[in-house]
Amino acid sequence: MGACNRKQELCKQDSIHKIQYELLKSTDGYDKIPIVTLEQAVLPLTPFLPKIQTYVGIVKEKCENPADGLTSDESASIMLYSIGWQPMNECLYVVLNTTLQSMNRQNLKPWFLYLKLLFTAVIRLPSIHLSVYRISKLALIKQYQKDEIIIWWDFPLCTTYTKFIDKI
C-alpha cells in the first residue's frame, strides 16, 4: 500500500505508513493482533515462504543492537522485508505485495502478526521529509492529478538514489 503524488515515483514516507496503517486497522481482526517476536510473527507464513526462518536468523543477527531506537525484532522486520531471495515467488516482499494486491482481505490474515510488527517499527521511526522514488514499469504520470492521494495495495520499496532508477 502506498500513497504517492502525480508522478507516482515520489512517495512521502509519512503518508505511506499512516494510510497503510489506517487501512489495515480496518481489516477485520487486525486491531486485536498483539506485537510478537519476529520468529513468532513469521510462523503463519512458513507454508508459502519455506525459507523465511533462515532469513529471520540472518536479519536478527544483523539487528542485535539497532541504532535507530527500535527493538531488534522491529528493526529485523524492516530488514526482512527489504531483502530478496530466490525463488522470487517465495520471497517475502513479492508474496506480501501479491497478497496485498488481491481483492480478498481474508488472504491477509496469515500476515497480521508480521504486518503488526512491521508497521509498529515503521511508525516508530523518526519522521523525515524528503523525496523518494518508486520504480514503475508503467507510465502513470498522466493517470493522476498533482497532489492527489493514491492508495496502492502494496508496500513499495523506494529509494532516494535516482541513479539506481536510471540503471533499471
Foldseek 3Di string as FASTA:
>chain_A
DFWAFLQQFWGFLVRGLVVVVVVVVPQPPLVVADADALVVLCVLVCVLQVCLVVLLVVQLVVQPDDPQPDHSRLSSLVVQLPDFDPPRSNRVQSVQLVQLQDPDCVSCVSNSNSVVSPSVSSVPGDHDGDTKTFDDPDRRNVVHDGPDIDDRRGRTDIGPDVVVNVVD
